[in-house]
Full PDB file with SEQRES, HELIX, SHEET, SSBOND, CRYST1, ORIGX, SCALE, CONECT and MASTER records, all heavy atoms in Angstrom:
SEQRES   1 A   36  GLY GLU SER TYR ASP ALA VAL ILE ALA ASP CYS VAL ALA          
SEQRES   2 A   36  LEU LEU ARG LEU ALA ALA GLU THR ILE GLY VAL PRO MET          
SEQRES   3 A   36  LEU ARG PHE ARG GLY ARG GLU CYS ASP PRO                      
HELIX    1 AA1 TYR A    4  ILE A   22  1                                  19    
SHEET    1 AA1 2 LEU A  27  PHE A  29  0                                        
SHEET    2 AA1 2 ARG A  32  CYS A  34 -1                                        
CRYST1    1.000    1.000    1.000  90.00  90.00  90.00 P 1           1          
ORIGX1      1.000000  0.000000  0.000000        0.00000                         
ORIGX2      0.000000  1.000000  0.000000        0.00000                         
ORIGX3      0.000000  0.000000  1.000000        0.00000                         
SCALE1      1.000000  0.000000  0.000000        0.00000                         
SCALE2      0.000000  1.000000  0.000000        0.00000                         
SCALE3      0.000000  0.000000  1.000000        0.00000                         
ATOM      1  N   GLY A   1     126.859  90.498 108.299  1.00  0.00           N  
ATOM      2  CA  GLY A   1     127.429  91.481 107.290  1.00  0.00           C  
ATOM      3  C   GLY A   1     127.110  92.841 107.501  1.00  0.00           C  
ATOM      4  O   GLY A   1     127.317  93.719 106.620  1.00  0.00           O  
ATOM      5  N   GLU A   2     126.376  93.271 108.597  1.00  0.00           N  
ATOM      6  CA  GLU A   2     125.893  94.604 108.797  1.00  0.00           C  
ATOM      7  C   GLU A   2     126.442  95.153 110.158  1.00  0.00           C  
ATOM      8  O   GLU A   2     126.582  94.383 111.068  1.00  0.00           O  
ATOM      9  CB  GLU A   2     124.441  94.753 108.697  1.00  0.00           C  
ATOM     10  CG  GLU A   2     123.834  94.316 107.431  1.00  0.00           C  
ATOM     11  CD  GLU A   2     122.324  94.373 107.361  1.00  0.00           C  
ATOM     12  OE1 GLU A   2     121.824  95.522 107.401  1.00  0.00           O  
ATOM     13  OE2 GLU A   2     121.660  93.249 107.266  1.00  0.00           O  
ATOM     14  N   SER A   3     126.718  96.523 110.229  1.00  0.00           N  
ATOM     15  CA  SER A   3     127.109  97.119 111.419  1.00  0.00           C  
ATOM     16  C   SER A   3     126.031  97.172 112.551  1.00  0.00           C  
ATOM     17  O   SER A   3     124.875  97.023 112.181  1.00  0.00           O  
ATOM     18  CB  SER A   3     127.548  98.549 111.140  1.00  0.00           C  
ATOM     19  OG  SER A   3     126.511  99.483 111.076  1.00  0.00           O  
ATOM     20  N   TYR A   4     126.544  97.406 113.744  1.00  0.00           N  
ATOM     21  CA  TYR A   4     125.493  97.386 114.836  1.00  0.00           C  
ATOM     22  C   TYR A   4     124.773  98.685 114.805  1.00  0.00           C  
ATOM     23  O   TYR A   4     123.622  98.721 115.466  1.00  0.00           O  
ATOM     24  CB  TYR A   4     126.011  96.997 116.170  1.00  0.00           C  
ATOM     25  CG  TYR A   4     126.761  97.981 116.979  1.00  0.00           C  
ATOM     26  CD1 TYR A   4     126.687  97.916 118.395  1.00  0.00           C  
ATOM     27  CD2 TYR A   4     127.507  99.001 116.527  1.00  0.00           C  
ATOM     28  CE1 TYR A   4     127.279  98.809 119.263  1.00  0.00           C  
ATOM     29  CE2 TYR A   4     128.238  99.900 117.238  1.00  0.00           C  
ATOM     30  CZ  TYR A   4     128.110  99.844 118.695  1.00  0.00           C  
ATOM     31  OH  TYR A   4     128.764 100.658 119.503  1.00  0.00           O  
ATOM     32  N   ASP A   5     125.055  99.653 113.963  1.00  0.00           N  
ATOM     33  CA  ASP A   5     124.161 100.730 113.719  1.00  0.00           C  
ATOM     34  C   ASP A   5     122.868 100.354 113.180  1.00  0.00           C  
ATOM     35  O   ASP A   5     121.762 100.949 113.396  1.00  0.00           O  
ATOM     36  CB  ASP A   5     124.786 101.842 112.816  1.00  0.00           C  
ATOM     37  CG  ASP A   5     125.992 102.497 113.418  1.00  0.00           C  
ATOM     38  OD1 ASP A   5     125.860 102.777 114.690  1.00  0.00           O  
ATOM     39  OD2 ASP A   5     126.981 102.831 112.701  1.00  0.00           O  
ATOM     40  N   ALA A   6     122.896  99.186 112.354  1.00  0.00           N  
ATOM     41  CA  ALA A   6     121.617  98.728 111.698  1.00  0.00           C  
ATOM     42  C   ALA A   6     120.710  98.145 112.779  1.00  0.00           C  
ATOM     43  O   ALA A   6     119.421  98.432 112.669  1.00  0.00           O  
ATOM     44  CB  ALA A   6     121.995  97.715 110.607  1.00  0.00           C  
ATOM     45  N   VAL A   7     121.173  97.545 113.746  1.00  0.00           N  
ATOM     46  CA  VAL A   7     120.222  96.930 114.737  1.00  0.00           C  
ATOM     47  C   VAL A   7     119.768  97.947 115.762  1.00  0.00           C  
ATOM     48  O   VAL A   7     118.690  97.951 116.233  1.00  0.00           O  
ATOM     49  CB  VAL A   7     120.877  95.669 115.447  1.00  0.00           C  
ATOM     50  CG1 VAL A   7     121.027  94.546 114.465  1.00  0.00           C  
ATOM     51  CG2 VAL A   7     122.106  96.051 116.168  1.00  0.00           C  
ATOM     52  N   ILE A   8     120.710  99.082 115.913  1.00  0.00           N  
ATOM     53  CA  ILE A   8     120.175 100.289 116.670  1.00  0.00           C  
ATOM     54  C   ILE A   8     119.021 100.939 116.044  1.00  0.00           C  
ATOM     55  O   ILE A   8     118.020 101.137 116.665  1.00  0.00           O  
ATOM     56  CB  ILE A   8     121.360 101.188 116.931  1.00  0.00           C  
ATOM     57  CG1 ILE A   8     122.396 100.627 117.894  1.00  0.00           C  
ATOM     58  CG2 ILE A   8     120.732 102.500 117.574  1.00  0.00           C  
ATOM     59  CD1 ILE A   8     123.608 101.464 117.981  1.00  0.00           C  
ATOM     60  N   ALA A   9     119.111 101.001 114.654  1.00  0.00           N  
ATOM     61  CA  ALA A   9     118.033 101.561 113.954  1.00  0.00           C  
ATOM     62  C   ALA A   9     116.768 100.759 113.983  1.00  0.00           C  
ATOM     63  O   ALA A   9     115.609 101.312 114.117  1.00  0.00           O  
ATOM     64  CB  ALA A   9     118.485 101.821 112.474  1.00  0.00           C  
ATOM     65  N   ASP A  10     116.958  99.412 114.014  1.00  0.00           N  
ATOM     66  CA  ASP A  10     115.745  98.520 114.211  1.00  0.00           C  
ATOM     67  C   ASP A  10     115.075  98.834 115.590  1.00  0.00           C  
ATOM     68  O   ASP A  10     113.865  98.875 115.555  1.00  0.00           O  
ATOM     69  CB  ASP A  10     116.248  97.041 114.154  1.00  0.00           C  
ATOM     70  CG  ASP A  10     116.641  96.550 112.794  1.00  0.00           C  
ATOM     71  OD1 ASP A  10     116.052  97.063 111.724  1.00  0.00           O  
ATOM     72  OD2 ASP A  10     117.417  95.690 112.705  1.00  0.00           O  
ATOM     73  N   CYS A  11     115.972  98.906 116.592  1.00  0.00           N  
ATOM     74  CA  CYS A  11     115.319  99.106 117.944  1.00  0.00           C  
ATOM     75  C   CYS A  11     114.567 100.356 117.918  1.00  0.00           C  
ATOM     76  O   CYS A  11     113.352 100.339 118.510  1.00  0.00           O  
ATOM     77  CB  CYS A  11     116.419  99.184 118.949  1.00  0.00           C  
ATOM     78  SG  CYS A  11     117.323  97.655 119.331  1.00  0.00           S  
ATOM     79  N   VAL A  12     114.911 101.483 117.467  1.00  0.00           N  
ATOM     80  CA  VAL A  12     114.207 102.717 117.426  1.00  0.00           C  
ATOM     81  C   VAL A  12     112.965 102.550 116.594  1.00  0.00           C  
ATOM     82  O   VAL A  12     111.901 103.108 117.070  1.00  0.00           O  
ATOM     83  CB  VAL A  12     115.137 103.813 116.898  1.00  0.00           C  
ATOM     84  CG1 VAL A  12     114.394 105.112 116.741  1.00  0.00           C  
ATOM     85  CG2 VAL A  12     116.367 104.081 117.805  1.00  0.00           C  
ATOM     86  N   ALA A  13     113.117 101.928 115.506  1.00  0.00           N  
ATOM     87  CA  ALA A  13     111.852 101.699 114.701  1.00  0.00           C  
ATOM     88  C   ALA A  13     110.807 100.909 115.358  1.00  0.00           C  
ATOM     89  O   ALA A  13     109.613 101.241 115.226  1.00  0.00           O  
ATOM     90  CB  ALA A  13     112.320 101.004 113.303  1.00  0.00           C  
ATOM     91  N   LEU A  14     111.189  99.983 116.109  1.00  0.00           N  
ATOM     92  CA  LEU A  14     110.258  99.033 116.829  1.00  0.00           C  
ATOM     93  C   LEU A  14     109.624  99.824 117.917  1.00  0.00           C  
ATOM     94  O   LEU A  14     108.421  99.637 118.247  1.00  0.00           O  
ATOM     95  CB  LEU A  14     110.922  97.846 117.360  1.00  0.00           C  
ATOM     96  CG  LEU A  14     111.325  96.796 116.224  1.00  0.00           C  
ATOM     97  CD1 LEU A  14     112.175  95.775 116.805  1.00  0.00           C  
ATOM     98  CD2 LEU A  14     110.124  96.213 115.495  1.00  0.00           C  
ATOM     99  N   LEU A  15     110.353 100.728 118.687  1.00  0.00           N  
ATOM    100  CA  LEU A  15     109.652 101.497 119.799  1.00  0.00           C  
ATOM    101  C   LEU A  15     108.549 102.413 119.133  1.00  0.00           C  
ATOM    102  O   LEU A  15     107.483 102.543 119.634  1.00  0.00           O  
ATOM    103  CB  LEU A  15     110.716 102.297 120.464  1.00  0.00           C  
ATOM    104  CG  LEU A  15     111.374 101.794 121.778  1.00  0.00           C  
ATOM    105  CD1 LEU A  15     111.952 100.443 121.516  1.00  0.00           C  
ATOM    106  CD2 LEU A  15     112.132 102.785 122.379  1.00  0.00           C  
ATOM    107  N   ARG A  16     109.024 103.025 117.891  1.00  0.00           N  
ATOM    108  CA  ARG A  16     107.890 103.845 117.301  1.00  0.00           C  
ATOM    109  C   ARG A  16     106.733 103.081 116.781  1.00  0.00           C  
ATOM    110  O   ARG A  16     105.589 103.558 116.817  1.00  0.00           O  
ATOM    111  CB  ARG A  16     108.668 104.584 116.142  1.00  0.00           C  
ATOM    112  CG  ARG A  16     109.706 105.552 116.631  1.00  0.00           C  
ATOM    113  CD  ARG A  16     110.525 106.241 115.496  1.00  0.00           C  
ATOM    114  NE  ARG A  16     111.382 107.251 115.939  1.00  0.00           N  
ATOM    115  CZ  ARG A  16     112.445 107.794 115.358  1.00  0.00           C  
ATOM    116  NH1 ARG A  16     112.593 107.405 114.043  1.00  0.00           N  
ATOM    117  NH2 ARG A  16     113.168 108.671 115.895  1.00  0.00           N  
ATOM    118  N   LEU A  17     107.039 101.851 116.292  1.00  0.00           N  
ATOM    119  CA  LEU A  17     105.998 101.038 115.783  1.00  0.00           C  
ATOM    120  C   LEU A  17     105.034 100.645 116.862  1.00  0.00           C  
ATOM    121  O   LEU A  17     103.815 100.616 116.677  1.00  0.00           O  
ATOM    122  CB  LEU A  17     106.576  99.812 115.190  1.00  0.00           C  
ATOM    123  CG  LEU A  17     105.591  98.819 114.504  1.00  0.00           C  
ATOM    124  CD1 LEU A  17     104.886  99.317 113.397  1.00  0.00           C  
ATOM    125  CD2 LEU A  17     106.415  97.469 114.037  1.00  0.00           C  
ATOM    126  N   ALA A  18     105.538 100.275 118.050  1.00  0.00           N  
ATOM    127  CA  ALA A  18     104.680  99.850 119.154  1.00  0.00           C  
ATOM    128  C   ALA A  18     103.721 101.065 119.590  1.00  0.00           C  
ATOM    129  O   ALA A  18     102.580 100.825 119.743  1.00  0.00           O  
ATOM    130  CB  ALA A  18     105.497  99.458 120.375  1.00  0.00           C  
ATOM    131  N   ALA A  19     104.248 102.291 119.639  1.00  0.00           N  
ATOM    132  CA  ALA A  19     103.435 103.386 119.975  1.00  0.00           C  
ATOM    133  C   ALA A  19     102.402 103.636 118.930  1.00  0.00           C  
ATOM    134  O   ALA A  19     101.267 103.842 119.206  1.00  0.00           O  
ATOM    135  CB  ALA A  19     104.343 104.651 120.229  1.00  0.00           C  
ATOM    136  N   GLU A  20     102.817 103.617 117.680  1.00  0.00           N  
ATOM    137  CA  GLU A  20     101.888 103.929 116.514  1.00  0.00           C  
ATOM    138  C   GLU A  20     100.801 102.773 116.520  1.00  0.00           C  
ATOM    139  O   GLU A  20      99.633 103.149 116.242  1.00  0.00           O  
ATOM    140  CB  GLU A  20     102.601 103.802 115.146  1.00  0.00           C  
ATOM    141  CG  GLU A  20     103.583 104.975 114.919  1.00  0.00           C  
ATOM    142  CD  GLU A  20     104.396 104.805 113.675  1.00  0.00           C  
ATOM    143  OE1 GLU A  20     104.461 103.580 113.139  1.00  0.00           O  
ATOM    144  OE2 GLU A  20     104.913 105.827 113.175  1.00  0.00           O  
ATOM    145  N   THR A  21     101.129 101.529 116.838  1.00  0.00           N  
ATOM    146  CA  THR A  21     100.204 100.451 116.638  1.00  0.00           C  
ATOM    147  C   THR A  21      99.006 100.678 117.571  1.00  0.00           C  
ATOM    148  O   THR A  21      97.861 100.286 117.244  1.00  0.00           O  
ATOM    149  CB  THR A  21     100.904  99.176 116.884  1.00  0.00           C  
ATOM    150  OG1 THR A  21     101.888  98.950 115.919  1.00  0.00           O  
ATOM    151  CG2 THR A  21      99.903  97.967 116.875  1.00  0.00           C  
ATOM    152  N   ILE A  22      99.226 101.139 118.778  1.00  0.00           N  
ATOM    153  CA  ILE A  22      98.144 101.220 119.756  1.00  0.00           C  
ATOM    154  C   ILE A  22      97.717 102.773 119.961  1.00  0.00           C  
ATOM    155  O   ILE A  22      97.013 103.080 120.843  1.00  0.00           O  
ATOM    156  CB  ILE A  22      98.531 100.606 121.117  1.00  0.00           C  
ATOM    157  CG1 ILE A  22      99.707 101.299 121.814  1.00  0.00           C  
ATOM    158  CG2 ILE A  22      98.819  99.118 120.946  1.00  0.00           C  
ATOM    159  CD1 ILE A  22      99.911 100.808 123.200  1.00  0.00           C  
ATOM    160  N   GLY A  23      98.328 103.556 119.154  1.00  0.00           N  
ATOM    161  CA  GLY A  23      97.851 105.045 119.063  1.00  0.00           C  
ATOM    162  C   GLY A  23      98.268 105.821 120.353  1.00  0.00           C  
ATOM    163  O   GLY A  23      97.410 106.600 120.793  1.00  0.00           O  
ATOM    164  N   VAL A  24      99.499 105.671 120.786  1.00  0.00           N  
ATOM    165  CA  VAL A  24      99.950 106.492 121.917  1.00  0.00           C  
ATOM    166  C   VAL A  24     101.148 107.382 121.485  1.00  0.00           C  
ATOM    167  O   VAL A  24     101.924 106.941 120.736  1.00  0.00           O  
ATOM    168  CB  VAL A  24     100.317 105.687 123.186  1.00  0.00           C  
ATOM    169  CG1 VAL A  24      99.118 104.884 123.743  1.00  0.00           C  
ATOM    170  CG2 VAL A  24     101.456 104.760 122.878  1.00  0.00           C  
ATOM    171  N   PRO A  25     101.147 108.557 122.001  1.00  0.00           N  
ATOM    172  CA  PRO A  25     102.291 109.537 121.585  1.00  0.00           C  
ATOM    173  C   PRO A  25     103.566 109.330 122.307  1.00  0.00           C  
ATOM    174  O   PRO A  25     104.614 109.858 122.027  1.00  0.00           O  
ATOM    175  CB  PRO A  25     101.680 110.866 121.768  1.00  0.00           C  
ATOM    176  CG  PRO A  25     100.738 110.771 123.002  1.00  0.00           C  
ATOM    177  CD  PRO A  25     100.197 109.404 122.761  1.00  0.00           C  
ATOM    178  N   MET A  26     103.471 108.733 123.619  1.00  0.00           N  
ATOM    179  CA  MET A  26     104.562 108.676 124.513  1.00  0.00           C  
ATOM    180  C   MET A  26     104.648 107.299 125.048  1.00  0.00           C  
ATOM    181  O   MET A  26     103.624 106.649 125.302  1.00  0.00           O  
ATOM    182  CB  MET A  26     104.429 109.676 125.566  1.00  0.00           C  
ATOM    183  CG  MET A  26     104.300 111.084 125.190  1.00  0.00           C  
ATOM    184  SD  MET A  26     105.821 111.928 124.510  1.00  0.00           S  
ATOM    185  CE  MET A  26     106.617 112.232 126.045  1.00  0.00           C  
ATOM    186  N   LEU A  27     105.826 106.846 125.437  1.00  0.00           N  
ATOM    187  CA  LEU A  27     106.037 105.712 126.323  1.00  0.00           C  
ATOM    188  C   LEU A  27     106.055 106.239 127.804  1.00  0.00           C  
ATOM    189  O   LEU A  27     106.632 107.328 128.055  1.00  0.00           O  
ATOM    190  CB  LEU A  27     107.432 104.994 125.943  1.00  0.00           C  
ATOM    191  CG  LEU A  27     107.531 104.591 124.602  1.00  0.00           C  
ATOM    192  CD1 LEU A  27     108.929 103.963 124.295  1.00  0.00           C  
ATOM    193  CD2 LEU A  27     106.481 103.568 124.104  1.00  0.00           C  
ATOM    194  N   ARG A  28     105.454 105.402 128.646  1.00  0.00           N  
ATOM    195  CA  ARG A  28     105.426 105.884 129.978  1.00  0.00           C  
ATOM    196  C   ARG A  28     105.623 104.750 130.987  1.00  0.00           C  
ATOM    197  O   ARG A  28     105.320 103.566 130.793  1.00  0.00           O  
ATOM    198  CB  ARG A  28     103.943 106.392 130.329  1.00  0.00           C  
ATOM    199  CG  ARG A  28     103.627 107.680 129.525  1.00  0.00           C  
ATOM    200  CD  ARG A  28     102.183 108.180 129.854  1.00  0.00           C  
ATOM    201  NE  ARG A  28     101.884 109.494 129.229  1.00  0.00           N  
ATOM    202  CZ  ARG A  28     101.386 109.669 127.975  1.00  0.00           C  
ATOM    203  NH1 ARG A  28     101.103 108.583 127.230  1.00  0.00           N  
ATOM    204  NH2 ARG A  28     101.166 110.782 127.484  1.00  0.00           N  
ATOM    205  N   PHE A  29     106.252 105.140 132.193  1.00  0.00           N  
ATOM    206  CA  PHE A  29     106.538 104.239 133.226  1.00  0.00           C  
ATOM    207  C   PHE A  29     106.661 104.972 134.539  1.00  0.00           C  
ATOM    208  O   PHE A  29     107.550 105.833 134.774  1.00  0.00           O  
ATOM    209  CB  PHE A  29     107.869 103.473 133.043  1.00  0.00           C  
ATOM    210  CG  PHE A  29     108.102 102.441 134.152  1.00  0.00           C  
ATOM    211  CD1 PHE A  29     107.283 101.350 134.363  1.00  0.00           C  
ATOM    212  CD2 PHE A  29     109.228 102.569 134.958  1.00  0.00           C  
ATOM    213  CE1 PHE A  29     107.444 100.384 135.363  1.00  0.00           C  
ATOM    214  CE2 PHE A  29     109.456 101.662 136.041  1.00  0.00           C  
ATOM    215  CZ  PHE A  29     108.668 100.568 136.110  1.00  0.00           C  
ATOM    216  N   ARG A  30     105.694 104.806 135.468  1.00  0.00           N  
ATOM    217  CA  ARG A  30     105.610 105.332 136.841  1.00  0.00           C  
ATOM    218  C   ARG A  30     106.030 106.868 136.861  1.00  0.00           C  
ATOM    219  O   ARG A  30     106.921 107.218 137.509  1.00  0.00           O  
ATOM    220  CB  ARG A  30     106.580 104.497 137.695  1.00  0.00           C  
ATOM    221  CG  ARG A  30     106.096 103.111 137.767  1.00  0.00           C  
ATOM    222  CD  ARG A  30     106.854 102.324 138.842  1.00  0.00           C  
ATOM    223  NE  ARG A  30     106.220 100.969 138.923  1.00  0.00           N  
ATOM    224  CZ  ARG A  30     106.455 100.153 139.920  1.00  0.00           C  
ATOM    225  NH1 ARG A  30     107.207 100.498 140.983  1.00  0.00           N  
ATOM    226  NH2 ARG A  30     105.925  98.958 139.993  1.00  0.00           N  
ATOM    227  N   GLY A  31     105.328 107.699 136.002  1.00  0.00           N  
ATOM    228  CA  GLY A  31     105.442 109.061 136.022  1.00  0.00           C  
ATOM    229  C   GLY A  31     106.654 109.648 135.161  1.00  0.00           C  
ATOM    230  O   GLY A  31     106.702 110.833 134.908  1.00  0.00           O  
ATOM    231  N   ARG A  32     107.348 108.733 134.486  1.00  0.00           N  
ATOM    232  CA  ARG A  32     108.405 109.198 133.540  1.00  0.00           C  
ATOM    233  C   ARG A  32     107.867 109.022 132.020  1.00  0.00           C  
ATOM    234  O   ARG A  32     107.128 108.079 131.847  1.00  0.00           O  
ATOM    235  CB  ARG A  32     109.649 108.362 133.715  1.00  0.00           C  
ATOM    236  CG  ARG A  32     110.233 108.290 135.032  1.00  0.00           C  
ATOM    237  CD  ARG A  32     111.442 107.288 135.096  1.00  0.00           C  
ATOM    238  NE  ARG A  32     111.705 106.975 136.476  1.00  0.00           N  
ATOM    239  CZ  ARG A  32     112.468 105.926 136.894  1.00  0.00           C  
ATOM    240  NH1 ARG A  32     112.668 104.992 136.009  1.00  0.00           N  
ATOM    241  NH2 ARG A  32     112.713 105.804 138.168  1.00  0.00           N  
ATOM    242  N   GLU A  33     108.248 109.903 131.134  1.00  0.00           N  
ATOM    243  CA  GLU A  33     107.717 109.817 129.804  1.00  0.00           C  
ATOM    244  C   GLU A  33     108.986 109.857 128.802  1.00  0.00           C  
ATOM    245  O   GLU A  33     110.064 110.419 129.221  1.00  0.00           O  
ATOM    246  CB  GLU A  33     106.814 111.019 129.591  1.00  0.00           C  
ATOM    247  CG  GLU A  33     105.468 110.939 130.246  1.00  0.00           C  
ATOM    248  CD  GLU A  33     104.543 112.053 129.754  1.00  0.00           C  
ATOM    249  OE1 GLU A  33     105.040 113.052 129.236  1.00  0.00           O  
ATOM    250  OE2 GLU A  33     103.399 111.863 129.879  1.00  0.00           O  
ATOM    251  N   CYS A  34     108.725 109.211 127.708  1.00  0.00           N  
ATOM    252  CA  CYS A  34     109.795 109.141 126.679  1.00  0.00           C  
ATOM    253  C   CYS A  34     109.049 109.303 125.347  1.00  0.00           C  
ATOM    254  O   CYS A  34     108.132 108.494 124.984  1.00  0.00           O  
ATOM    255  CB  CYS A  34     110.570 107.907 126.743  1.00  0.00           C  
ATOM    256  SG  CYS A  34     111.710 107.715 125.398  1.00  0.00           S  
ATOM    257  N   ASP A  35     109.489 110.206 124.447  1.00  0.00           N  
ATOM    258  CA  ASP A  35     108.860 110.413 123.148  1.00  0.00           C  
ATOM    259  C   ASP A  35     109.711 109.520 122.156  1.00  0.00           C  
ATOM    260  O   ASP A  35     110.786 109.875 121.772  1.00  0.00           O  
ATOM    261  CB  ASP A  35     109.011 111.871 122.671  1.00  0.00           C  
ATOM    262  CG  ASP A  35     108.464 112.099 121.330  1.00  0.00           C  
ATOM    263  OD1 ASP A  35     107.923 111.100 120.653  1.00  0.00           O  
ATOM    264  OD2 ASP A  35     108.348 113.279 120.868  1.00  0.00           O  
ATOM    265  N   PRO A  36     109.125 108.341 121.723  1.00  0.00           N  
ATOM    266  CA  PRO A  36     109.806 107.449 120.804  1.00  0.00           C  
ATOM    267  C   PRO A  36     110.041 108.041 119.401  1.00  0.00           C  
ATOM    268  O   PRO A  36     110.945 107.513 118.690  1.00  0.00           O  
ATOM    269  CB  PRO A  36     108.991 106.229 120.701  1.00  0.00           C  
ATOM    270  CG  PRO A  36     107.600 106.750 120.969  1.00  0.00           C  
ATOM    271  CD  PRO A  36     107.767 107.918 121.953  1.00  0.00           C  
TER     272      PRO A  36                                                      
MASTER        0    0    0    1    2    0    0    6  271    1    0    3          
END                                                                             
């Protein structure tokens, strides 16, 4: 009963939660960075 905007918002929240949980400001992979 909810639009897929709601699950997109969940995804963004979970990326931020992962970073917050272990105390990192950025996501990183092989020299690339992303600010969640």
